Amino acid sequence: MTTVALAATDGMLHFELSLAHEVFAAAPDGVTAPWYDLTVCGPAAVQVERFRLEPDAGLDRLRHADTVIVPGWADVDEDPPGDLVDAVREAHEAGARVASLCTGAFVLAAAGLLDGRRATTHWAHTDELAARHPLVEVDPDVLYVDNGRVLTSAGKAAALDLCLHLVRLDLGSSVANAVARRLVVPPHRAGGQAQFVTAPVPDQDDHPLAALFPWIIERLDRPLTVEDLARRAGMSSRHLGRHFRAVTGTTPLQWLLTQRIRHAQELLEKSDDSVDTIAAATGMGTATTLRRHFNRTLGVPPDAYRRTFRSRTR
């Protein structure tokens, strides 16, 4: 069982703190794998915006956790508390994986954990983070950054993307997808080694692409072209491309490739099908094509991915 310590001190943002608690506190229905052991850590009772919170343990518990989550810091113009900064640094030195949500990156930066590393935070504060911590390589254009044992996310909803990414790393895509279904959010806005921003469904039910996305997902095993998608959506290919870029931040073919890779991940985790069979089921055609795209996107070949996550889930 992986232990997770959620830092809670005066001056933190309740949204990010509550979001992390929702993800790591309890397993979704149907998930039988050992779940996380979550502890909320803070210096006695703390004021989190308008809410009063009683932590389970003190900040010294952070150094005993496998993963430490640092929620958003409300006032980036104010230095975070020294005891929090020290506790986060000590936890990292003790071997913990440390992840910040939104402006929690300012806490990690104050602890020196981001020096020489790529990092992100809420877009409204990336310039301030870069100015105050010039040794940090601030990237304002990504949902989150995974440096292995140090991770940072952009603001608000991107904090959920990072939490789902951690679940995906620990327990596999199918479990992360189950968490996403419980929270009624898309599971496919992925990041990490291959940073790309995708949003598989538009926010509005009456959006011109609202019916197209599920139609594509049901046909991932078929060879689909941009013309096929445009014809289904009842618009020109150029018009489709503009809508896709506005909704997902990427092109129709790149979005489609992302969904094929995600489906391949689930099949590798949950089935004993050969790579050739999975290539056909995900519309990749051949095992060679699947291996090329899979390795380029995730940094590992399909067989290595299967060995890693099948052993974890079993």
C-alpha atoms as a PDB file:
ATOM      1  CA  MET A   1       0.000   0.000   0.000  1.00  0.00           C
ATOM      2  CA  THR A   2       1.405   3.382  -1.021  1.00  0.00           C
ATOM      3  CA  THR A   3       1.306   6.032   1.703  1.00  0.00           C
ATOM      4  CA  VAL A   4       0.270   9.544   0.672  1.00  0.00           C
ATOM      5  CA  ALA A   5       0.732  12.599   2.876  1.00  0.00           C
ATOM      6  CA  LEU A   6      -1.366  15.642   2.040  1.00  0.00           C
ATOM      7  CA  ALA A   7       0.158  18.845   3.409  1.00  0.00           C
ATOM      8  CA  ALA A   8      -2.316  21.302   4.961  1.00  0.00           C
ATOM      9  CA  THR A   9      -1.321  24.639   6.456  1.00  0.00           C
ATOM     10  CA  ASP A  10      -2.855  28.089   6.839  1.00  0.00           C
ATOM     11  CA  GLY A  11      -2.996  29.896   3.509  1.00  0.00           C
ATOM     12  CA  MET A  12      -3.637  26.940   1.229  1.00  0.00           C
ATOM     13  CA  LEU A  13      -6.341  26.649  -1.423  1.00  0.00           C
ATOM     14  CA  HIS A  14      -9.212  24.385  -0.424  1.00  0.00           C
ATOM     15  CA  PHE A  15     -10.081  23.301  -3.984  1.00  0.00           C
ATOM     16  CA  GLU A  16      -6.751  21.613  -4.682  1.00  0.00           C
ATOM     17  CA  LEU A  17      -6.587  20.130  -1.197  1.00  0.00           C
ATOM     18  CA  SER A  18     -10.102  18.687  -1.473  1.00  0.00           C
ATOM     19  CA  LEU A  19      -9.423  17.408  -4.975  1.00  0.00           C
ATOM     20  CA  ALA A  20      -6.356  15.445  -3.868  1.00  0.00           C
ATOM     21  CA  HIS A  21      -8.282  14.045  -0.902  1.00  0.00           C
ATOM     22  CA  GLU A  22     -11.079  12.914  -3.230  1.00  0.00           C
ATOM     23  CA  VAL A  23      -8.648  11.041  -5.491  1.00  0.00           C
ATOM     24  CA  PHE A  24      -6.451   9.344  -2.893  1.00  0.00           C
ATOM     25  CA  ALA A  25      -8.767   8.822   0.100  1.00  0.00           C
ATOM     26  CA  ALA A  26     -10.844   5.911  -1.217  1.00  0.00           C
ATOM     27  CA  ALA A  27     -10.846   3.478  -4.123  1.00  0.00           C
ATOM     28  CA  PRO A  28     -13.637   3.715  -6.698  1.00  0.00           C
ATOM     29  CA  ASP A  29     -16.210   0.941  -6.832  1.00  0.00           C
ATOM     30  CA  GLY A  30     -14.962  -2.195  -8.523  1.00  0.00           C
ATOM     31  CA  VAL A  31     -11.245  -1.571  -7.884  1.00  0.00           C
ATOM     32  CA  THR A  32      -9.845  -4.385  -5.776  1.00  0.00           C
ATOM     33  CA  ALA A  33      -6.159  -3.450  -5.887  1.00  0.00           C
ATOM     34  CA  PRO A  34      -4.676  -2.174  -2.594  1.00  0.00           C
ATOM     35  CA  TRP A  35      -5.486   1.515  -2.322  1.00  0.00           C
ATOM     36  CA  TYR A  36      -3.545   4.431  -0.906  1.00  0.00           C
ATOM     37  CA  ASP A  37      -3.131   5.104   2.807  1.00  0.00           C
ATOM     38  CA  LEU A  38      -3.819   8.848   3.017  1.00  0.00           C
ATOM     39  CA  THR A  39      -2.837  11.101   5.910  1.00  0.00           C
ATOM     40  CA  VAL A  40      -3.599  14.825   6.122  1.00  0.00           C
ATOM     41  CA  CYS A  41      -0.621  16.522   7.770  1.00  0.00           C
ATOM     42  CA  GLY A  42      -0.466  19.991   9.296  1.00  0.00           C
ATOM     43  CA  PRO A  43       0.578  22.053  12.333  1.00  0.00           C
ATOM     44  CA  ALA A  44      -2.484  21.584  14.569  1.00  0.00           C
ATOM     45  CA  ALA A  45      -5.785  23.055  13.333  1.00  0.00           C
ATOM     46  CA  VAL A  46      -5.372  25.088  10.139  1.00  0.00           C
ATOM     47  CA  GLN A  47      -7.471  27.638   8.291  1.00  0.00           C
ATOM     48  CA  VAL A  48      -7.899  26.684   4.628  1.00  0.00           C
ATOM     49  CA  GLU A  49      -9.633  29.727   3.159  1.00  0.00           C
ATOM     50  CA  ARG A  50     -13.085  29.710   4.878  1.00  0.00           C
ATOM     51  CA  PHE A  51     -12.757  26.156   6.212  1.00  0.00           C
ATOM     52  CA  ARG A  52     -11.287  24.932   9.486  1.00  0.00           C
ATOM     53  CA  LEU A  53      -9.377  21.667   9.163  1.00  0.00           C
ATOM     54  CA  GLU A  54      -8.102  19.225  11.763  1.00  0.00           C
ATOM     55  CA  PRO A  55      -5.075  17.325  10.344  1.00  0.00           C
ATOM     56  CA  ASP A  56      -4.455  13.676  11.165  1.00  0.00           C
ATOM     57  CA  ALA A  57      -0.782  14.232  11.990  1.00  0.00           C
ATOM     58  CA  GLY A  58       1.921  16.875  12.140  1.00  0.00           C
ATOM     59  CA  LEU A  59       4.097  18.024   9.257  1.00  0.00           C
ATOM     60  CA  ASP A  60       6.880  15.722  10.487  1.00  0.00           C
ATOM     61  CA  ARG A  61       4.814  12.813   9.113  1.00  0.00           C
ATOM     62  CA  LEU A  62       5.596  13.982   5.552  1.00  0.00           C
ATOM     63  CA  ARG A  63       9.057  12.415   5.648  1.00  0.00           C
ATOM     64  CA  HIS A  64       7.546   8.981   6.295  1.00  0.00           C
ATOM     65  CA  ALA A  65       5.295   9.025   3.199  1.00  0.00           C
ATOM     66  CA  ASP A  66       5.915   7.492  -0.211  1.00  0.00           C
ATOM     67  CA  THR A  67       4.200  10.457  -1.904  1.00  0.00           C
ATOM     68  CA  VAL A  68       3.750  14.001  -0.613  1.00  0.00           C
ATOM     69  CA  ILE A  69       1.076  16.263  -2.145  1.00  0.00           C
ATOM     70  CA  VAL A  70       1.421  20.037  -1.699  1.00  0.00           C
ATOM     71  CA  PRO A  71      -1.834  21.861  -2.614  1.00  0.00           C
ATOM     72  CA  GLY A  72      -2.015  25.384  -3.994  1.00  0.00           C
ATOM     73  CA  TRP A  73      -0.545  28.279  -2.011  1.00  0.00           C
ATOM     74  CA  ALA A  74      -3.082  31.134  -1.899  1.00  0.00           C
ATOM     75  CA  ASP A  75      -0.834  34.220  -1.758  1.00  0.00           C
ATOM     76  CA  VAL A  76       2.169  33.770  -4.036  1.00  0.00           C
ATOM     77  CA  ASP A  77       3.481  37.188  -2.951  1.00  0.00           C
ATOM     78  CA  GLU A  78       3.945  35.806   0.559  1.00  0.00           C
ATOM     79  CA  ASP A  79       6.683  33.335   1.412  1.00  0.00           C
ATOM     80  CA  PRO A  80       5.274  29.908   2.393  1.00  0.00           C
ATOM     81  CA  PRO A  81       5.746  28.883   6.055  1.00  0.00           C
ATOM     82  CA  GLY A  82       9.266  27.799   6.902  1.00  0.00           C
ATOM     83  CA  ASP A  83       8.103  24.666   8.725  1.00  0.00           C
ATOM     84  CA  LEU A  84       6.203  23.532   5.622  1.00  0.00           C
ATOM     85  CA  VAL A  85       9.165  24.224   3.328  1.00  0.00           C
ATOM     86  CA  ASP A  86      11.530  22.358   5.659  1.00  0.00           C
ATOM     87  CA  ALA A  87       9.144  19.400   5.991  1.00  0.00           C
ATOM     88  CA  VAL A  88       8.734  19.098   2.215  1.00  0.00           C
ATOM     89  CA  ARG A  89      12.504  19.254   1.691  1.00  0.00           C
ATOM     90  CA  GLU A  90      13.132  16.626   4.367  1.00  0.00           C
ATOM     91  CA  ALA A  91      10.484  14.347   2.865  1.00  0.00           C
ATOM     92  CA  HIS A  92      12.162  14.533  -0.528  1.00  0.00           C
ATOM     93  CA  GLU A  93      15.576  13.880   1.018  1.00  0.00           C
ATOM     94  CA  ALA A  94      14.067  10.834   2.742  1.00  0.00           C
ATOM     95  CA  GLY A  95      13.019   9.447  -0.649  1.00  0.00           C
ATOM     96  CA  ALA A  96       9.437  10.661  -1.056  1.00  0.00           C
ATOM     97  CA  ARG A  97       7.919  11.536  -4.403  1.00  0.00           C
ATOM     98  CA  VAL A  98       6.761  15.155  -4.067  1.00  0.00           C
ATOM     99  CA  ALA A  99       3.989  16.669  -6.205  1.00  0.00           C
ATOM    100  CA  SER A 100       2.645  20.217  -6.127  1.00  0.00           C
ATOM    101  CA  LEU A 101      -0.797  21.279  -7.293  1.00  0.00           C
ATOM    102  CA  CYS A 102      -1.240  24.691  -8.891  1.00  0.00           C
ATOM    103  CA  THR A 103       0.701  27.331  -6.917  1.00  0.00           C
ATOM    104  CA  GLY A 104       2.026  24.682  -4.550  1.00  0.00           C
ATOM    105  CA  ALA A 105       5.005  24.895  -6.919  1.00  0.00           C
ATOM    106  CA  PHE A 106       6.109  27.972  -4.953  1.00  0.00           C
ATOM    107  CA  VAL A 107       6.542  25.740  -1.889  1.00  0.00           C
ATOM    108  CA  LEU A 108       8.632  23.233  -3.848  1.00  0.00           C
ATOM    109  CA  ALA A 109      10.685  26.051  -5.341  1.00  0.00           C
ATOM    110  CA  ALA A 110      11.315  27.544  -1.881  1.00  0.00           C
ATOM    111  CA  ALA A 111      12.523  24.112  -0.763  1.00  0.00           C
ATOM    112  CA  GLY A 112      14.983  24.025  -3.660  1.00  0.00           C
ATOM    113  CA  LEU A 113      13.354  20.997  -5.247  1.00  0.00           C
ATOM    114  CA  LEU A 114      12.782  22.719  -8.601  1.00  0.00           C
ATOM    115  CA  ASP A 115      16.287  24.124  -9.119  1.00  0.00           C
ATOM    116  CA  GLY A 116      17.571  22.947 -12.481  1.00  0.00           C
ATOM    117  CA  ARG A 117      14.284  21.246 -13.241  1.00  0.00           C
ATOM    118  CA  ARG A 118      11.416  21.938 -15.586  1.00  0.00           C
ATOM    119  CA  ALA A 119       8.237  22.908 -13.736  1.00  0.00           C
ATOM    120  CA  THR A 120       4.869  24.577 -14.171  1.00  0.00           C
ATOM    121  CA  THR A 121       2.169  26.304 -12.161  1.00  0.00           C
ATOM    122  CA  HIS A 122      -1.032  28.248 -12.831  1.00  0.00           C
ATOM    123  CA  TRP A 123      -0.529  30.301 -16.007  1.00  0.00           C
ATOM    124  CA  ALA A 124      -1.278  33.537 -14.137  1.00  0.00           C
ATOM    125  CA  HIS A 125       1.764  32.988 -11.897  1.00  0.00           C
ATOM    126  CA  THR A 126       4.378  31.419 -14.186  1.00  0.00           C
ATOM    127  CA  ASP A 127       6.179  34.738 -14.711  1.00  0.00           C
ATOM    128  CA  GLU A 128       6.329  35.314 -10.950  1.00  0.00           C
ATOM    129  CA  LEU A 129       7.669  31.802 -10.333  1.00  0.00           C
ATOM    130  CA  ALA A 130      10.373  32.312 -12.964  1.00  0.00           C
ATOM    131  CA  ALA A 131      11.327  35.746 -11.602  1.00  0.00           C
ATOM    132  CA  ARG A 132      11.591  34.629  -7.980  1.00  0.00           C
ATOM    133  CA  HIS A 133      13.309  31.341  -8.742  1.00  0.00           C
ATOM    134  CA  PRO A 134      15.590  31.855 -11.777  1.00  0.00           C
ATOM    135  CA  LEU A 135      17.112  28.369 -11.481  1.00  0.00           C
ATOM    136  CA  VAL A 136      13.714  26.835 -12.311  1.00  0.00           C
ATOM    137  CA  GLU A 137      12.872  26.150 -15.969  1.00  0.00           C
ATOM    138  CA  VAL A 138       9.239  27.303 -15.929  1.00  0.00           C
ATOM    139  CA  ASP A 139       7.013  25.919 -18.700  1.00  0.00           C
ATOM    140  CA  PRO A 140       3.690  27.783 -18.903  1.00  0.00           C
ATOM    141  CA  ASP A 141       2.189  25.677 -21.695  1.00  0.00           C
ATOM    142  CA  VAL A 142       1.656  22.244 -20.134  1.00  0.00           C
ATOM    143  CA  LEU A 143      -0.855  20.679 -17.797  1.00  0.00           C
ATOM    144  CA  TYR A 144       1.849  19.182 -15.599  1.00  0.00           C
ATOM    145  CA  VAL A 145       5.504  18.200 -15.557  1.00  0.00           C
ATOM    146  CA  ASP A 146       6.809  14.839 -14.354  1.00  0.00           C
ATOM    147  CA  ASN A 147      10.461  14.815 -13.292  1.00  0.00           C
ATOM    148  CA  GLY A 148      10.212  11.415 -11.661  1.00  0.00           C
ATOM    149  CA  ARG A 149      10.322  12.204  -7.930  1.00  0.00           C
ATOM    150  CA  VAL A 150       9.316  15.852  -8.364  1.00  0.00           C
ATOM    151  CA  LEU A 151       6.077  16.768 -10.170  1.00  0.00           C
ATOM    152  CA  THR A 152       4.230  20.050 -10.667  1.00  0.00           C
ATOM    153  CA  SER A 153       0.853  20.896 -12.150  1.00  0.00           C
ATOM    154  CA  ALA A 154      -0.815  23.912 -13.653  1.00  0.00           C
ATOM    155  CA  GLY A 155      -3.886  25.405 -12.002  1.00  0.00           C
ATOM    156  CA  LYS A 156      -7.235  24.054 -10.824  1.00  0.00           C
ATOM    157  CA  ALA A 157      -8.406  21.283 -13.174  1.00  0.00           C
ATOM    158  CA  ALA A 158      -4.811  20.492 -14.151  1.00  0.00           C
ATOM    159  CA  ALA A 159      -4.246  19.488 -10.528  1.00  0.00           C
ATOM    160  CA  LEU A 160      -6.708  16.671 -11.150  1.00  0.00           C
ATOM    161  CA  ASP A 161      -4.798  15.705 -14.298  1.00  0.00           C
ATOM    162  CA  LEU A 162      -1.664  15.303 -12.204  1.00  0.00           C
ATOM    163  CA  CYS A 163      -3.442  13.284  -9.509  1.00  0.00           C
ATOM    164  CA  LEU A 164      -4.852  10.936 -12.163  1.00  0.00           C
ATOM    165  CA  HIS A 165      -1.356  10.703 -13.667  1.00  0.00           C
ATOM    166  CA  LEU A 166       0.007   9.550 -10.305  1.00  0.00           C
ATOM    167  CA  VAL A 167      -2.714   6.905 -10.033  1.00  0.00           C
ATOM    168  CA  ARG A 168      -1.940   5.812 -13.593  1.00  0.00           C
ATOM    169  CA  LEU A 169       1.766   5.460 -12.757  1.00  0.00           C
ATOM    170  CA  ASP A 170       1.062   3.489  -9.588  1.00  0.00           C
ATOM    171  CA  LEU A 171      -1.913   1.335 -10.554  1.00  0.00           C
ATOM    172  CA  GLY A 172      -2.310   1.524 -14.337  1.00  0.00           C
ATOM    173  CA  SER A 173      -4.617   3.195 -16.824  1.00  0.00           C
ATOM    174  CA  SER A 174      -7.719   1.123 -16.101  1.00  0.00           C
ATOM    175  CA  VAL A 175      -7.693   2.127 -12.423  1.00  0.00           C
ATOM    176  CA  ALA A 176      -7.022   5.781 -13.282  1.00  0.00           C
ATOM    177  CA  ASN A 177      -9.921   5.625 -15.733  1.00  0.00           C
ATOM    178  CA  ALA A 178     -12.164   4.223 -12.986  1.00  0.00           C
ATOM    179  CA  VAL A 179     -11.259   7.183 -10.769  1.00  0.00           C
ATOM    180  CA  ALA A 180     -11.988   9.567 -13.642  1.00  0.00           C
ATOM    181  CA  ARG A 181     -15.390   7.950 -14.230  1.00  0.00           C
ATOM    182  CA  ARG A 182     -16.273   8.367 -10.558  1.00  0.00           C
ATOM    183  CA  LEU A 183     -15.351  12.044 -10.748  1.00  0.00           C
ATOM    184  CA  VAL A 184     -17.134  12.454 -14.101  1.00  0.00           C
ATOM    185  CA  VAL A 185     -14.046  13.861 -15.821  1.00  0.00           C
ATOM    186  CA  PRO A 186     -12.161  12.799 -18.952  1.00  0.00           C
ATOM    187  CA  PRO A 187      -9.247  10.463 -18.171  1.00  0.00           C
ATOM    188  CA  HIS A 188      -7.276  11.213 -21.328  1.00  0.00           C
ATOM    189  CA  ARG A 189      -5.700  14.617 -20.694  1.00  0.00           C
ATOM    190  CA  ALA A 190      -2.298  13.016 -20.387  1.00  0.00           C
ATOM    191  CA  GLY A 191       1.181  14.306 -19.671  1.00  0.00           C
ATOM    192  CA  GLY A 192       4.451  13.091 -18.245  1.00  0.00           C
ATOM    193  CA  GLN A 193       7.255  11.940 -20.512  1.00  0.00           C
ATOM    194  CA  ALA A 194       5.273  12.895 -23.607  1.00  0.00           C
ATOM    195  CA  GLN A 195       3.598  16.184 -22.769  1.00  0.00           C
ATOM    196  CA  PHE A 196       0.537  16.811 -24.872  1.00  0.00           C
ATOM    197  CA  VAL A 197      -2.780  18.396 -24.037  1.00  0.00           C
ATOM    198  CA  THR A 198      -5.920  16.590 -25.122  1.00  0.00           C
ATOM    199  CA  ALA A 199      -9.539  17.013 -24.108  1.00  0.00           C
ATOM    200  CA  PRO A 200     -11.611  14.144 -25.521  1.00  0.00           C
ATOM    201  CA  VAL A 201     -15.009  15.748 -25.032  1.00  0.00           C
ATOM    202  CA  PRO A 202     -16.205  19.347 -25.378  1.00  0.00           C
ATOM    203  CA  ASP A 203     -17.782  21.064 -22.387  1.00  0.00           C
ATOM    204  CA  GLN A 204     -21.093  21.897 -24.098  1.00  0.00           C
ATOM    205  CA  ASP A 205     -23.594  19.234 -25.110  1.00  0.00           C
ATOM    206  CA  ASP A 206     -24.633  21.360 -28.083  1.00  0.00           C
ATOM    207  CA  HIS A 207     -21.075  21.763 -29.352  1.00  0.00           C
ATOM    208  CA  PRO A 208     -20.711  20.755 -33.053  1.00  0.00           C
ATOM    209  CA  LEU A 209     -18.276  17.976 -32.058  1.00  0.00           C
ATOM    210  CA  ALA A 210     -20.232  16.651 -29.054  1.00  0.00           C
ATOM    211  CA  ALA A 211     -21.559  13.601 -30.912  1.00  0.00           C
ATOM    212  CA  LEU A 212     -18.366  13.022 -32.885  1.00  0.00           C
ATOM    213  CA  PHE A 213     -16.078  12.115 -29.993  1.00  0.00           C
ATOM    214  CA  PRO A 214     -17.995   9.044 -28.742  1.00  0.00           C
ATOM    215  CA  TRP A 215     -18.514   7.969 -32.363  1.00  0.00           C
ATOM    216  CA  ILE A 216     -14.736   7.934 -32.846  1.00  0.00           C
ATOM    217  CA  ILE A 217     -14.064   6.103 -29.570  1.00  0.00           C
ATOM    218  CA  GLU A 218     -16.390   3.291 -30.654  1.00  0.00           C
ATOM    219  CA  ARG A 219     -14.441   2.903 -33.925  1.00  0.00           C
ATOM    220  CA  LEU A 220     -10.819   2.982 -32.846  1.00  0.00           C
ATOM    221  CA  ASP A 221     -10.225  -0.343 -34.586  1.00  0.00           C
ATOM    222  CA  ARG A 222     -11.039   1.196 -37.969  1.00  0.00           C
ATOM    223  CA  PRO A 223      -8.854   3.255 -40.324  1.00  0.00           C
ATOM    224  CA  LEU A 224     -10.288   6.748 -39.891  1.00  0.00           C
ATOM    225  CA  THR A 225      -9.204   9.785 -41.896  1.00  0.00           C
ATOM    226  CA  VAL A 226      -9.796  13.486 -41.348  1.00  0.00           C
ATOM    227  CA  GLU A 227     -12.243  13.335 -44.248  1.00  0.00           C
ATOM    228  CA  ASP A 228     -14.156  10.538 -42.479  1.00  0.00           C
ATOM    229  CA  LEU A 229     -14.440  12.638 -39.330  1.00  0.00           C
ATOM    230  CA  ALA A 230     -15.431  15.769 -41.238  1.00  0.00           C
ATOM    231  CA  ARG A 231     -18.094  13.865 -43.155  1.00  0.00           C
ATOM    232  CA  ARG A 232     -19.521  12.469 -39.903  1.00  0.00           C
ATOM    233  CA  ALA A 233     -19.522  15.953 -38.325  1.00  0.00           C
ATOM    234  CA  GLY A 234     -21.131  17.473 -41.397  1.00  0.00           C
ATOM    235  CA  MET A 235     -18.440  20.067 -42.022  1.00  0.00           C
ATOM    236  CA  SER A 236     -15.361  20.649 -44.139  1.00  0.00           C
ATOM    237  CA  SER A 237     -11.984  19.235 -43.101  1.00  0.00           C
ATOM    238  CA  ARG A 238     -10.654  22.734 -42.515  1.00  0.00           C
ATOM    239  CA  HIS A 239     -13.651  23.667 -40.350  1.00  0.00           C
ATOM    240  CA  LEU A 240     -13.251  20.409 -38.402  1.00  0.00           C
ATOM    241  CA  GLY A 241      -9.596  21.185 -37.770  1.00  0.00           C
ATOM    242  CA  ARG A 242     -10.460  24.600 -36.345  1.00  0.00           C
ATOM    243  CA  HIS A 243     -13.069  23.124 -33.985  1.00  0.00           C
ATOM    244  CA  PHE A 244     -10.697  20.366 -32.899  1.00  0.00           C
ATOM    245  CA  ARG A 245      -7.918  22.827 -32.152  1.00  0.00           C
ATOM    246  CA  ALA A 246     -10.281  25.016 -30.113  1.00  0.00           C
ATOM    247  CA  VAL A 247     -11.642  22.102 -28.042  1.00  0.00           C
ATOM    248  CA  THR A 248      -8.627  19.795 -27.644  1.00  0.00           C
ATOM    249  CA  GLY A 249      -5.637  21.983 -28.366  1.00  0.00           C
ATOM    250  CA  THR A 250      -4.425  19.594 -31.053  1.00  0.00           C
ATOM    251  CA  THR A 251      -5.238  18.201 -34.513  1.00  0.00           C
ATOM    252  CA  PRO A 252      -7.841  15.509 -35.264  1.00  0.00           C
ATOM    253  CA  LEU A 253      -5.188  12.926 -36.191  1.00  0.00           C
ATOM    254  CA  GLN A 254      -3.043  13.610 -33.122  1.00  0.00           C
ATOM    255  CA  TRP A 255      -6.110  13.353 -30.887  1.00  0.00           C
ATOM    256  CA  LEU A 256      -7.094  10.105 -32.585  1.00  0.00           C
ATOM    257  CA  LEU A 257      -3.581   8.698 -32.095  1.00  0.00           C
ATOM    258  CA  THR A 258      -3.744   9.593 -28.413  1.00  0.00           C
ATOM    259  CA  GLN A 259      -6.993   7.651 -27.989  1.00  0.00           C
ATOM    260  CA  ARG A 260      -5.511   4.649 -29.806  1.00  0.00           C
ATOM    261  CA  ILE A 261      -2.498   4.660 -27.488  1.00  0.00           C
ATOM    262  CA  ARG A 262      -4.713   4.936 -24.381  1.00  0.00           C
ATOM    263  CA  HIS A 263      -6.861   2.024 -25.586  1.00  0.00           C
ATOM    264  CA  ALA A 264      -3.715  -0.012 -26.235  1.00  0.00           C
ATOM    265  CA  GLN A 265      -2.581   0.684 -22.664  1.00  0.00           C
ATOM    266  CA  GLU A 266      -5.816  -0.712 -21.251  1.00  0.00           C
ATOM    267  CA  LEU A 267      -5.666  -3.814 -23.438  1.00  0.00           C
ATOM    268  CA  LEU A 268      -2.048  -4.447 -22.445  1.00  0.00           C
ATOM    269  CA  GLU A 269      -3.027  -4.211 -18.787  1.00  0.00           C
ATOM    270  CA  LYS A 270      -6.277  -6.170 -18.843  1.00  0.00           C
ATOM    271  CA  SER A 271      -5.897  -8.786 -21.582  1.00  0.00           C
ATOM    272  CA  ASP A 272      -3.464 -11.477 -22.715  1.00  0.00           C
ATOM    273  CA  ASP A 273      -3.885 -10.502 -26.369  1.00  0.00           C
ATOM    274  CA  SER A 274      -0.744 -10.390 -28.474  1.00  0.00           C
ATOM    275  CA  VAL A 275       0.717  -7.088 -29.597  1.00  0.00           C
ATOM    276  CA  ASP A 276      -0.446  -7.923 -33.143  1.00  0.00           C
ATOM    277  CA  THR A 277      -4.030  -8.397 -31.924  1.00  0.00           C
ATOM    278  CA  ILE A 278      -3.924  -5.175 -29.916  1.00  0.00           C
ATOM    279  CA  ALA A 279      -2.510  -3.314 -32.918  1.00  0.00           C
ATOM    280  CA  ALA A 280      -5.514  -4.423 -34.951  1.00  0.00           C
ATOM    281  CA  ALA A 281      -7.982  -3.609 -32.155  1.00  0.00           C
ATOM    282  CA  THR A 282      -6.629  -0.072 -31.821  1.00  0.00           C
ATOM    283  CA  GLY A 283      -6.465   0.701 -35.524  1.00  0.00           C
ATOM    284  CA  MET A 284      -2.663   0.649 -35.659  1.00  0.00           C
ATOM    285  CA  GLY A 285      -2.631  -2.085 -38.279  1.00  0.00           C
ATOM    286  CA  THR A 286       0.618  -3.847 -37.418  1.00  0.00           C
ATOM    287  CA  ALA A 287       2.644  -4.545 -34.297  1.00  0.00           C
ATOM    288  CA  THR A 288       5.508  -2.552 -35.797  1.00  0.00           C
ATOM    289  CA  THR A 289       3.348   0.547 -36.110  1.00  0.00           C
ATOM    290  CA  LEU A 290       1.980   0.135 -32.587  1.00  0.00           C
ATOM    291  CA  ARG A 291       5.465  -0.303 -31.121  1.00  0.00           C
ATOM    292  CA  ARG A 292       6.753   2.781 -32.917  1.00  0.00           C
ATOM    293  CA  HIS A 293       3.949   5.089 -31.771  1.00  0.00           C
ATOM    294  CA  PHE A 294       3.747   3.571 -28.277  1.00  0.00           C
ATOM    295  CA  ASN A 295       7.475   3.932 -27.659  1.00  0.00           C
ATOM    296  CA  ARG A 296       7.584   7.451 -29.053  1.00  0.00           C
ATOM    297  CA  THR A 297       4.596   8.554 -26.950  1.00  0.00           C
ATOM    298  CA  LEU A 298       5.278   6.824 -23.633  1.00  0.00           C
ATOM    299  CA  GLY A 299       8.998   6.143 -23.799  1.00  0.00           C
ATOM    300  CA  VAL A 300       8.660   2.354 -23.361  1.00  0.00           C
ATOM    301  CA  PRO A 301       7.715  -0.491 -25.753  1.00  0.00           C
ATOM    302  CA  PRO A 302       4.336  -2.240 -25.328  1.00  0.00           C
ATOM    303  CA  ASP A 303       5.872  -5.439 -23.939  1.00  0.00           C
ATOM    304  CA  ALA A 304       7.766  -3.572 -21.217  1.00  0.00           C
ATOM    305  CA  TYR A 305       4.652  -1.571 -20.368  1.00  0.00           C
ATOM    306  CA  ARG A 306       2.633  -4.786 -20.004  1.00  0.00           C
ATOM    307  CA  ARG A 307       5.231  -6.397 -17.735  1.00  0.00           C
ATOM    308  CA  THR A 308       5.297  -3.326 -15.486  1.00  0.00           C
ATOM    309  CA  PHE A 309       1.581  -2.786 -15.038  1.00  0.00           C
ATOM    310  CA  ARG A 310       0.407  -6.390 -15.142  1.00  0.00           C
ATOM    311  CA  SER A 311       2.811  -7.178 -12.286  1.00  0.00           C
ATOM    312  CA  ARG A 312       1.539  -4.170 -10.302  1.00  0.00           C
ATOM    313  CA  THR A 313      -2.142  -4.950 -10.747  1.00  0.00           C
ATOM    314  CA  ARG A 314      -1.627  -8.618  -9.926  1.00  0.00           C
END
